[in-house]
Amino acid sequence: MKTTTESVLAELMFTLHTIHKTLKELAPINSKYSGIDNFKKVNYIFVNNKKVHTNSGNLKRAVVARENKKGINIVHDVYVSSASVPYYKKAVLSPTLTRARHYGRLEYGDIRYSNNIRWKSSIVENVANRNYMYFQKGVGFIRSEIGKYNGKKIYVSDDIRRWQDGV
């Protein structure tokens, strides 16, 4: 069977859609949280001084794929919009999260100590970020998928210039 430009493009698009689908599936969704409030174990955590019971799934819904044709080039982006997930840089791309343990509870986020007073017994610690672990799995998968094409020579039976010219 002869390889055509269209079949090569279809194979590339399949790989890119697989990357998008896999990243979306890796994103955490609806995980239950457990924290401490008033020195008791509870089913929520405090993020920026608000109770959060579960992972809302925003990250999974925010993984988007986009294809742009710029002249003869096709650019395929898989990204997370910072407008959809404003905390992405801190909550996903950082290997650790800062957590404060004070007033008998655990707090995450930027806003802590609602009355701006820090107890002497407050403990601020860095903990492993589960979302970063998701990010690392995605990076490994993307590298392996794109690595399939490193150094690969593809010979097509049709004239690629016809495709470039839009004929």
N, C-alpha and C. Protein backbone atom coordinates (compact mmCIF):
# COMPACT_ATOMS: atom_id res chain seq x y z
N MET A 1 0.84 -1.18 0.00
CA MET A 1 0.00 0.00 0.00
C MET A 1 0.89 1.24 0.00
N LYS A 2 0.57 2.18 -0.86
CA LYS A 2 1.37 3.40 -0.98
C LYS A 2 0.96 4.38 0.11
N THR A 3 1.95 5.09 0.62
CA THR A 3 1.70 6.11 1.63
C THR A 3 1.45 7.44 0.93
N THR A 4 0.34 8.06 1.27
CA THR A 4 0.02 9.37 0.69
C THR A 4 0.16 10.45 1.75
N THR A 5 0.18 11.68 1.29
CA THR A 5 0.26 12.81 2.21
C THR A 5 -0.93 12.80 3.16
N GLU A 6 -2.11 12.51 2.64
CA GLU A 6 -3.31 12.47 3.47
C GLU A 6 -3.21 11.41 4.56
N SER A 7 -2.66 10.24 4.24
CA SER A 7 -2.55 9.18 5.26
C SER A 7 -1.54 9.57 6.33
N VAL A 8 -0.46 10.25 5.94
CA VAL A 8 0.52 10.72 6.93
C VAL A 8 -0.12 11.76 7.85
N LEU A 9 -0.87 12.69 7.27
CA LEU A 9 -1.56 13.71 8.08
C LEU A 9 -2.59 13.07 9.00
N ALA A 10 -3.29 12.06 8.51
CA ALA A 10 -4.28 11.37 9.35
C ALA A 10 -3.61 10.68 10.52
N GLU A 11 -2.44 10.07 10.27
CA GLU A 11 -1.70 9.41 11.36
C GLU A 11 -1.24 10.43 12.40
N LEU A 12 -0.74 11.57 11.94
CA LEU A 12 -0.31 12.62 12.87
C LEU A 12 -1.48 13.16 13.68
N MET A 13 -2.61 13.38 13.02
CA MET A 13 -3.79 13.90 13.74
C MET A 13 -4.30 12.88 14.76
N PHE A 14 -4.23 11.60 14.42
CA PHE A 14 -4.64 10.57 15.37
C PHE A 14 -3.74 10.61 16.61
N THR A 15 -2.43 10.75 16.40
CA THR A 15 -1.49 10.83 17.53
C THR A 15 -1.79 12.06 18.38
N LEU A 16 -2.03 13.20 17.75
CA LEU A 16 -2.31 14.43 18.49
C LEU A 16 -3.62 14.33 19.26
N HIS A 17 -4.63 13.72 18.68
CA HIS A 17 -5.91 13.53 19.39
C HIS A 17 -5.74 12.54 20.54
N THR A 18 -4.88 11.55 20.37
CA THR A 18 -4.59 10.61 21.46
C THR A 18 -3.93 11.33 22.62
N ILE A 19 -3.01 12.22 22.33
CA ILE A 19 -2.35 13.01 23.38
C ILE A 19 -3.38 13.84 24.13
N HIS A 20 -4.26 14.52 23.41
CA HIS A 20 -5.29 15.35 24.04
C HIS A 20 -6.20 14.51 24.93
N LYS A 21 -6.67 13.39 24.40
CA LYS A 21 -7.58 12.52 25.16
C LYS A 21 -6.90 11.98 26.41
N THR A 22 -5.64 11.57 26.29
CA THR A 22 -4.92 11.01 27.44
C THR A 22 -4.69 12.06 28.51
N LEU A 23 -4.30 13.27 28.11
CA LEU A 23 -4.12 14.33 29.10
C LEU A 23 -5.41 14.66 29.82
N LYS A 24 -6.49 14.66 29.09
CA LYS A 24 -7.80 14.92 29.70
C LYS A 24 -8.16 13.82 30.70
N GLU A 25 -7.86 12.56 30.34
CA GLU A 25 -8.17 11.44 31.23
C GLU A 25 -7.27 11.42 32.47
N LEU A 26 -6.05 11.90 32.34
CA LEU A 26 -5.13 11.92 33.49
C LEU A 26 -5.51 12.98 34.52
N ALA A 27 -6.19 14.02 34.07
CA ALA A 27 -6.55 15.12 34.98
C ALA A 27 -7.45 14.61 36.10
N PRO A 28 -7.13 14.99 37.33
CA PRO A 28 -7.96 14.54 38.45
C PRO A 28 -9.37 15.14 38.39
N ILE A 29 -10.34 14.34 38.77
CA ILE A 29 -11.73 14.82 38.78
C ILE A 29 -12.47 14.18 39.95
N ASN A 30 -13.22 15.00 40.63
CA ASN A 30 -14.09 14.56 41.72
C ASN A 30 -13.42 13.69 42.78
N SER A 31 -12.17 14.01 43.10
CA SER A 31 -11.53 13.29 44.20
C SER A 31 -12.02 13.90 45.52
N LYS A 32 -12.14 13.08 46.52
CA LYS A 32 -12.60 13.53 47.83
C LYS A 32 -11.40 14.02 48.64
N TYR A 33 -11.59 15.08 49.37
CA TYR A 33 -10.53 15.63 50.21
C TYR A 33 -10.77 15.26 51.66
N SER A 34 -9.69 15.16 52.41
CA SER A 34 -9.81 15.01 53.85
C SER A 34 -8.86 16.00 54.50
N GLY A 35 -9.35 16.68 55.48
CA GLY A 35 -8.56 17.70 56.15
C GLY A 35 -8.81 17.69 57.64
N ILE A 36 -8.36 18.74 58.28
CA ILE A 36 -8.55 18.89 59.73
C ILE A 36 -9.21 20.24 59.99
N ASP A 37 -10.25 20.23 60.79
CA ASP A 37 -10.91 21.46 61.20
C ASP A 37 -11.30 21.30 62.66
N ASN A 38 -10.95 22.26 63.46
CA ASN A 38 -11.24 22.23 64.89
C ASN A 38 -10.67 20.96 65.51
N PHE A 39 -9.45 20.59 65.06
CA PHE A 39 -8.71 19.43 65.55
C PHE A 39 -9.40 18.10 65.25
N LYS A 40 -10.38 18.08 64.33
CA LYS A 40 -11.08 16.85 63.97
C LYS A 40 -10.88 16.59 62.48
N LYS A 41 -10.86 15.31 62.10
CA LYS A 41 -10.76 14.93 60.70
C LYS A 41 -12.10 15.21 60.02
N VAL A 42 -12.04 15.90 58.87
CA VAL A 42 -13.26 16.26 58.15
C VAL A 42 -13.11 15.89 56.67
N ASN A 43 -14.21 15.98 55.89
CA ASN A 43 -14.19 15.59 54.48
C ASN A 43 -14.03 16.81 53.55
N TYR A 44 -13.30 17.81 53.97
CA TYR A 44 -13.02 18.98 53.15
C TYR A 44 -11.69 19.58 53.57
N ILE A 45 -11.20 20.50 52.72
CA ILE A 45 -9.99 21.25 53.07
C ILE A 45 -10.32 22.74 52.91
N PHE A 46 -9.48 23.57 53.48
CA PHE A 46 -9.63 25.00 53.31
C PHE A 46 -8.65 25.48 52.24
N VAL A 47 -9.18 26.12 51.21
CA VAL A 47 -8.36 26.73 50.17
C VAL A 47 -8.77 28.19 50.10
N ASN A 48 -7.80 29.07 50.34
CA ASN A 48 -8.07 30.51 50.39
C ASN A 48 -9.23 30.83 51.33
N ASN A 49 -9.21 30.17 52.48
CA ASN A 49 -10.17 30.40 53.56
C ASN A 49 -11.60 29.96 53.23
N LYS A 50 -11.76 29.08 52.23
CA LYS A 50 -13.08 28.55 51.89
C LYS A 50 -13.03 27.04 51.96
N LYS A 51 -14.14 26.43 52.38
CA LYS A 51 -14.21 24.97 52.43
C LYS A 51 -14.36 24.41 51.02
N VAL A 52 -13.55 23.40 50.70
CA VAL A 52 -13.63 22.72 49.41
C VAL A 52 -13.81 21.23 49.70
N HIS A 53 -14.93 20.65 49.27
CA HIS A 53 -15.24 19.26 49.58
C HIS A 53 -14.65 18.28 48.57
N THR A 54 -14.70 18.61 47.28
CA THR A 54 -14.19 17.70 46.26
C THR A 54 -13.47 18.49 45.18
N ASN A 55 -12.71 17.78 44.39
CA ASN A 55 -12.10 18.36 43.21
C ASN A 55 -13.25 18.59 42.23
N SER A 56 -13.38 19.79 41.75
CA SER A 56 -14.55 20.16 40.94
C SER A 56 -14.50 19.67 39.50
N GLY A 57 -13.37 19.19 39.04
CA GLY A 57 -13.26 18.74 37.66
C GLY A 57 -12.93 19.86 36.69
N ASN A 58 -12.66 21.08 37.21
CA ASN A 58 -12.33 22.20 36.33
C ASN A 58 -11.11 21.91 35.47
N LEU A 59 -10.11 21.28 36.05
CA LEU A 59 -8.89 21.01 35.31
C LEU A 59 -9.16 20.07 34.13
N LYS A 60 -9.94 19.04 34.36
CA LYS A 60 -10.26 18.09 33.28
C LYS A 60 -11.02 18.78 32.16
N ARG A 61 -11.98 19.61 32.51
CA ARG A 61 -12.76 20.31 31.49
C ARG A 61 -11.94 21.38 30.77
N ALA A 62 -10.87 21.86 31.40
CA ALA A 62 -10.09 22.95 30.82
C ALA A 62 -9.00 22.49 29.85
N VAL A 63 -8.74 21.19 29.75
CA VAL A 63 -7.73 20.70 28.80
C VAL A 63 -8.36 20.76 27.41
N VAL A 64 -7.80 21.64 26.57
CA VAL A 64 -8.41 21.94 25.27
C VAL A 64 -7.41 21.69 24.15
N ALA A 65 -7.90 21.25 23.01
CA ALA A 65 -7.06 21.08 21.82
C ALA A 65 -7.52 22.08 20.77
N ARG A 66 -6.54 22.63 20.05
CA ARG A 66 -6.86 23.61 19.02
C ARG A 66 -5.91 23.37 17.83
N GLU A 67 -6.43 23.51 16.65
CA GLU A 67 -5.62 23.34 15.44
C GLU A 67 -5.66 24.63 14.63
N ASN A 68 -4.50 25.13 14.28
CA ASN A 68 -4.39 26.34 13.46
C ASN A 68 -3.60 26.03 12.21
N LYS A 69 -4.06 26.53 11.09
CA LYS A 69 -3.30 26.41 9.85
C LYS A 69 -2.69 27.77 9.56
N LYS A 70 -1.38 27.79 9.54
CA LYS A 70 -0.64 29.02 9.25
C LYS A 70 0.15 28.79 7.98
N GLY A 71 -0.41 29.22 6.86
CA GLY A 71 0.25 28.97 5.59
C GLY A 71 0.27 27.48 5.31
N ILE A 72 1.48 26.94 5.13
CA ILE A 72 1.60 25.50 4.86
C ILE A 72 1.80 24.70 6.14
N ASN A 73 1.86 25.38 7.28
CA ASN A 73 2.07 24.71 8.56
C ASN A 73 0.76 24.48 9.29
N ILE A 74 0.69 23.36 9.97
CA ILE A 74 -0.45 23.07 10.84
C ILE A 74 0.10 23.01 12.26
N VAL A 75 -0.47 23.85 13.13
CA VAL A 75 -0.05 23.88 14.54
C VAL A 75 -1.18 23.31 15.38
N HIS A 76 -0.86 22.29 16.13
CA HIS A 76 -1.85 21.62 16.99
C HIS A 76 -1.45 21.89 18.44
N ASP A 77 -2.30 22.61 19.17
CA ASP A 77 -2.03 22.96 20.57
C ASP A 77 -2.94 22.15 21.48
N VAL A 78 -2.37 21.63 22.55
CA VAL A 78 -3.14 21.06 23.65
C VAL A 78 -2.72 21.89 24.86
N TYR A 79 -3.67 22.58 25.46
CA TYR A 79 -3.31 23.53 26.51
C TYR A 79 -4.43 23.65 27.54
N VAL A 80 -4.09 24.32 28.63
CA VAL A 80 -5.06 24.68 29.66
C VAL A 80 -5.07 26.19 29.74
N SER A 81 -6.20 26.80 29.50
CA SER A 81 -6.32 28.25 29.52
C SER A 81 -6.23 28.77 30.96
N SER A 82 -5.41 29.79 31.16
CA SER A 82 -5.30 30.35 32.51
C SER A 82 -6.59 31.07 32.90
N ALA A 83 -7.42 31.43 31.92
CA ALA A 83 -8.71 32.03 32.25
C ALA A 83 -9.66 30.99 32.85
N SER A 84 -9.55 29.75 32.37
CA SER A 84 -10.41 28.68 32.89
C SER A 84 -9.95 28.17 34.24
N VAL A 85 -8.62 28.08 34.40
CA VAL A 85 -8.04 27.57 35.65
C VAL A 85 -6.95 28.54 36.09
N PRO A 86 -7.32 29.60 36.80
CA PRO A 86 -6.33 30.62 37.16
C PRO A 86 -5.24 30.11 38.09
N TYR A 87 -5.48 29.03 38.80
CA TYR A 87 -4.50 28.51 39.75
C TYR A 87 -3.56 27.49 39.11
N TYR A 88 -3.63 27.28 37.80
CA TYR A 88 -2.90 26.21 37.12
C TYR A 88 -1.41 26.23 37.42
N LYS A 89 -0.79 27.40 37.36
CA LYS A 89 0.67 27.48 37.55
C LYS A 89 1.07 27.01 38.95
N LYS A 90 0.33 27.43 39.96
CA LYS A 90 0.67 27.04 41.33
C LYS A 90 0.20 25.63 41.67
N ALA A 91 -1.00 25.30 41.24
CA ALA A 91 -1.60 24.03 41.69
C ALA A 91 -1.22 22.83 40.84
N VAL A 92 -0.66 23.04 39.65
CA VAL A 92 -0.32 21.90 38.80
C VAL A 92 1.17 21.86 38.48
N LEU A 93 1.75 23.00 38.15
CA LEU A 93 3.13 23.01 37.69
C LEU A 93 4.16 23.05 38.82
N SER A 94 3.72 23.14 40.04
CA SER A 94 4.63 23.16 41.18
C SER A 94 4.69 21.77 41.82
N PRO A 95 5.90 21.23 42.06
CA PRO A 95 6.00 19.88 42.64
C PRO A 95 5.51 19.79 44.09
N THR A 96 5.48 20.93 44.78
CA THR A 96 5.00 20.92 46.17
C THR A 96 3.97 22.03 46.37
N LEU A 97 3.15 21.85 47.37
CA LEU A 97 2.20 22.87 47.79
C LEU A 97 2.53 23.30 49.21
N THR A 98 2.30 24.56 49.50
CA THR A 98 2.50 25.04 50.86
C THR A 98 1.20 24.87 51.62
N ARG A 99 1.32 24.25 52.79
CA ARG A 99 0.15 24.00 53.62
C ARG A 99 0.44 24.55 55.01
N ALA A 100 -0.55 25.21 55.57
CA ALA A 100 -0.40 25.75 56.93
C ALA A 100 -1.29 24.96 57.88
N ARG A 101 -0.72 24.64 59.02
CA ARG A 101 -1.47 23.92 60.05
C ARG A 101 -1.55 24.88 61.25
N HIS A 102 -2.73 25.40 61.49
CA HIS A 102 -2.91 26.33 62.60
C HIS A 102 -4.39 26.42 62.95
N TYR A 103 -4.69 27.00 64.07
CA TYR A 103 -6.06 27.12 64.56
C TYR A 103 -6.78 25.78 64.51
N GLY A 104 -6.05 24.69 64.61
CA GLY A 104 -6.67 23.37 64.59
C GLY A 104 -7.16 22.94 63.22
N ARG A 105 -6.63 23.55 62.16
CA ARG A 105 -7.05 23.15 60.83
C ARG A 105 -5.91 23.28 59.83
N LEU A 106 -6.11 22.64 58.67
CA LEU A 106 -5.14 22.71 57.57
C LEU A 106 -5.65 23.70 56.54
N GLU A 107 -4.76 24.55 56.03
CA GLU A 107 -5.16 25.51 55.01
C GLU A 107 -4.19 25.49 53.84
N TYR A 108 -4.75 25.58 52.63
CA TYR A 108 -3.98 25.67 51.40
C TYR A 108 -4.30 27.01 50.74
N GLY A 109 -3.56 27.36 49.71
CA GLY A 109 -3.84 28.58 48.96
C GLY A 109 -3.00 29.75 49.44
N ASP A 110 -3.35 30.93 48.95
CA ASP A 110 -2.58 32.13 49.27
C ASP A 110 -3.10 32.86 50.50
N ILE A 111 -4.39 32.72 50.75
CA ILE A 111 -4.99 33.46 51.87
C ILE A 111 -5.03 32.55 53.09
N ARG A 112 -4.37 33.00 54.14
CA ARG A 112 -4.37 32.25 55.40
C ARG A 112 -4.54 33.24 56.54
N TYR A 113 -4.72 32.69 57.69
CA TYR A 113 -4.78 33.53 58.90
C TYR A 113 -5.80 34.66 58.68
N SER A 114 -7.05 34.30 58.65
CA SER A 114 -8.10 35.25 58.27
C SER A 114 -8.04 36.57 59.02
N ASN A 115 -7.49 36.58 60.22
CA ASN A 115 -7.38 37.84 60.95
C ASN A 115 -5.94 38.36 60.96
N ASN A 116 -5.12 37.83 60.05
CA ASN A 116 -3.71 38.24 59.88
C ASN A 116 -2.85 38.02 61.11
N ILE A 117 -3.30 37.18 62.03
CA ILE A 117 -2.49 36.84 63.21
C ILE A 117 -2.03 35.41 63.07
N ARG A 118 -0.74 35.18 63.21
CA ARG A 118 -0.20 33.84 63.11
C ARG A 118 0.12 33.34 64.51
N TRP A 119 -0.39 32.17 64.83
CA TRP A 119 -0.10 31.58 66.13
C TRP A 119 1.37 31.19 66.20
N LYS A 120 1.87 31.16 67.43
CA LYS A 120 3.24 30.69 67.62
C LYS A 120 3.36 29.22 67.22
N SER A 121 2.29 28.47 67.40
CA SER A 121 2.33 27.04 67.12
C SER A 121 1.96 26.72 65.67
N SER A 122 1.78 27.74 64.81
CA SER A 122 1.45 27.49 63.41
C SER A 122 2.62 26.78 62.72
N ILE A 123 2.30 25.82 61.90
CA ILE A 123 3.32 25.07 61.16
C ILE A 123 3.04 25.26 59.68
N VAL A 124 4.04 25.75 58.95
CA VAL A 124 3.93 25.87 57.50
C VAL A 124 4.85 24.82 56.90
N GLU A 125 4.29 23.98 56.04
CA GLU A 125 5.07 22.88 55.48
C GLU A 125 4.81 22.74 53.98
N ASN A 126 5.77 22.15 53.29
CA ASN A 126 5.60 21.84 51.87
C ASN A 126 5.23 20.37 51.76
N VAL A 127 4.19 20.09 50.99
CA VAL A 127 3.73 18.71 50.80
C VAL A 127 3.72 18.39 49.30
N ALA A 128 3.80 17.12 48.97
CA ALA A 128 3.79 16.68 47.57
C ALA A 128 2.48 17.09 46.91
N ASN A 129 2.56 17.52 45.69
CA ASN A 129 1.41 17.98 44.93
C ASN A 129 0.93 16.86 44.01
N ARG A 130 -0.26 16.32 44.26
CA ARG A 130 -0.79 15.24 43.42
C ARG A 130 -1.04 15.70 41.99
N ASN A 131 -1.44 16.95 41.81
CA ASN A 131 -1.67 17.46 40.47
C ASN A 131 -0.38 17.52 39.67
N TYR A 132 0.74 17.78 40.33
CA TYR A 132 2.03 17.80 39.64
C TYR A 132 2.38 16.40 39.16
N MET A 133 2.02 15.42 39.94
CA MET A 133 2.27 14.04 39.54
C MET A 133 1.48 13.71 38.27
N TYR A 134 0.26 14.23 38.17
CA TYR A 134 -0.53 14.07 36.94
C TYR A 134 0.20 14.72 35.78
N PHE A 135 0.73 15.91 36.02
CA PHE A 135 1.46 16.64 34.98
C PHE A 135 2.67 15.84 34.51
N GLN A 136 3.41 15.23 35.44
CA GLN A 136 4.59 14.45 35.07
C GLN A 136 4.22 13.22 34.24
N LYS A 137 3.12 12.56 34.58
CA LYS A 137 2.67 11.42 33.77
C LYS A 137 2.35 11.87 32.35
N GLY A 138 1.73 13.02 32.23
CA GLY A 138 1.39 13.56 30.91
C GLY A 138 2.62 13.90 30.10
N VAL A 139 3.64 14.48 30.74
CA VAL A 139 4.88 14.84 30.04
C VAL A 139 5.55 13.58 29.50
N GLY A 140 5.64 12.54 30.32
CA GLY A 140 6.24 11.29 29.89
C GLY A 140 5.51 10.68 28.70
N PHE A 141 4.18 10.70 28.75
CA PHE A 141 3.39 10.14 27.66
C PHE A 141 3.59 10.94 26.37
N ILE A 142 3.59 12.26 26.47
CA ILE A 142 3.78 13.11 25.29
C ILE A 142 5.14 12.86 24.67
N ARG A 143 6.17 12.78 25.50
CA ARG A 143 7.52 12.52 24.97
C ARG A 143 7.57 11.19 24.22
N SER A 144 6.93 10.17 24.77
CA SER A 144 6.98 8.87 24.11
C SER A 144 6.21 8.90 22.79
N GLU A 145 5.07 9.59 22.76
CA GLU A 145 4.28 9.66 21.52
C GLU A 145 5.01 10.46 20.44
N ILE A 146 5.57 11.59 20.82
CA ILE A 146 6.28 12.41 19.84
C ILE A 146 7.60 11.75 19.45
N GLY A 147 8.20 11.02 20.37
CA GLY A 147 9.46 10.33 20.10
C GLY A 147 9.35 9.31 18.98
N LYS A 148 8.14 8.81 18.71
CA LYS A 148 7.94 7.86 17.63
C LYS A 148 8.34 8.45 16.28
N TYR A 149 8.27 9.77 16.17
CA TYR A 149 8.52 10.43 14.90
C TYR A 149 9.94 10.98 14.78
N ASN A 150 10.73 10.90 15.85
CA ASN A 150 12.11 11.40 15.79
C ASN A 150 12.94 10.61 14.79
N GLY A 151 13.52 11.30 13.84
CA GLY A 151 14.38 10.67 12.86
C GLY A 151 13.66 9.81 11.84
N LYS A 152 12.35 9.82 11.84
CA LYS A 152 11.57 8.99 10.93
C LYS A 152 11.48 9.66 9.56
N LYS A 153 11.81 8.93 8.53
CA LYS A 153 11.68 9.42 7.16
C LYS A 153 10.43 8.80 6.56
N ILE A 154 9.60 9.65 5.97
CA ILE A 154 8.36 9.19 5.38
C ILE A 154 8.38 9.57 3.90
N TYR A 155 8.22 8.58 3.07
CA TYR A 155 8.17 8.81 1.63
C TYR A 155 6.71 8.66 1.18
N VAL A 156 6.23 9.67 0.50
CA VAL A 156 4.84 9.65 0.04
C VAL A 156 4.80 9.45 -1.47
N SER A 157 3.73 8.81 -1.93
CA SER A 157 3.61 8.49 -3.35
C SER A 157 3.05 9.66 -4.17
N ASP A 158 2.34 10.57 -3.52
CA ASP A 158 1.79 11.71 -4.26
C ASP A 158 2.72 12.91 -4.14
N ASP A 159 2.41 13.93 -4.86
CA ASP A 159 3.22 15.15 -4.88
C ASP A 159 2.80 16.04 -3.72
N ILE A 160 3.68 16.22 -2.76
CA ILE A 160 3.33 17.00 -1.56
C ILE A 160 3.11 18.47 -1.89
N ARG A 161 3.71 18.94 -2.98
CA ARG A 161 3.53 20.35 -3.36
C ARG A 161 2.07 20.64 -3.70
N ARG A 162 1.37 19.65 -4.21
CA ARG A 162 -0.06 19.85 -4.50
C ARG A 162 -0.81 20.15 -3.21
N TRP A 163 -0.45 19.44 -2.14
CA TRP A 163 -1.11 19.67 -0.86
C TRP A 163 -0.73 21.04 -0.30
N GLN A 164 0.55 21.42 -0.40
CA GLN A 164 1.02 22.70 0.11
C GLN A 164 0.32 23.86 -0.60
N ASP A 165 0.09 23.71 -1.90
CA ASP A 165 -0.54 24.77 -2.67
C ASP A 165 -2.06 24.77 -2.51
N GLY A 166 -2.59 23.78 -1.81
CA GLY A 166 -4.03 23.73 -1.56
C GLY A 166 -4.83 23.16 -2.71
N VAL A 167 -4.18 22.45 -3.62
CA VAL A 167 -4.88 21.88 -4.78
C VAL A 167 -5.52 20.57 -4.40
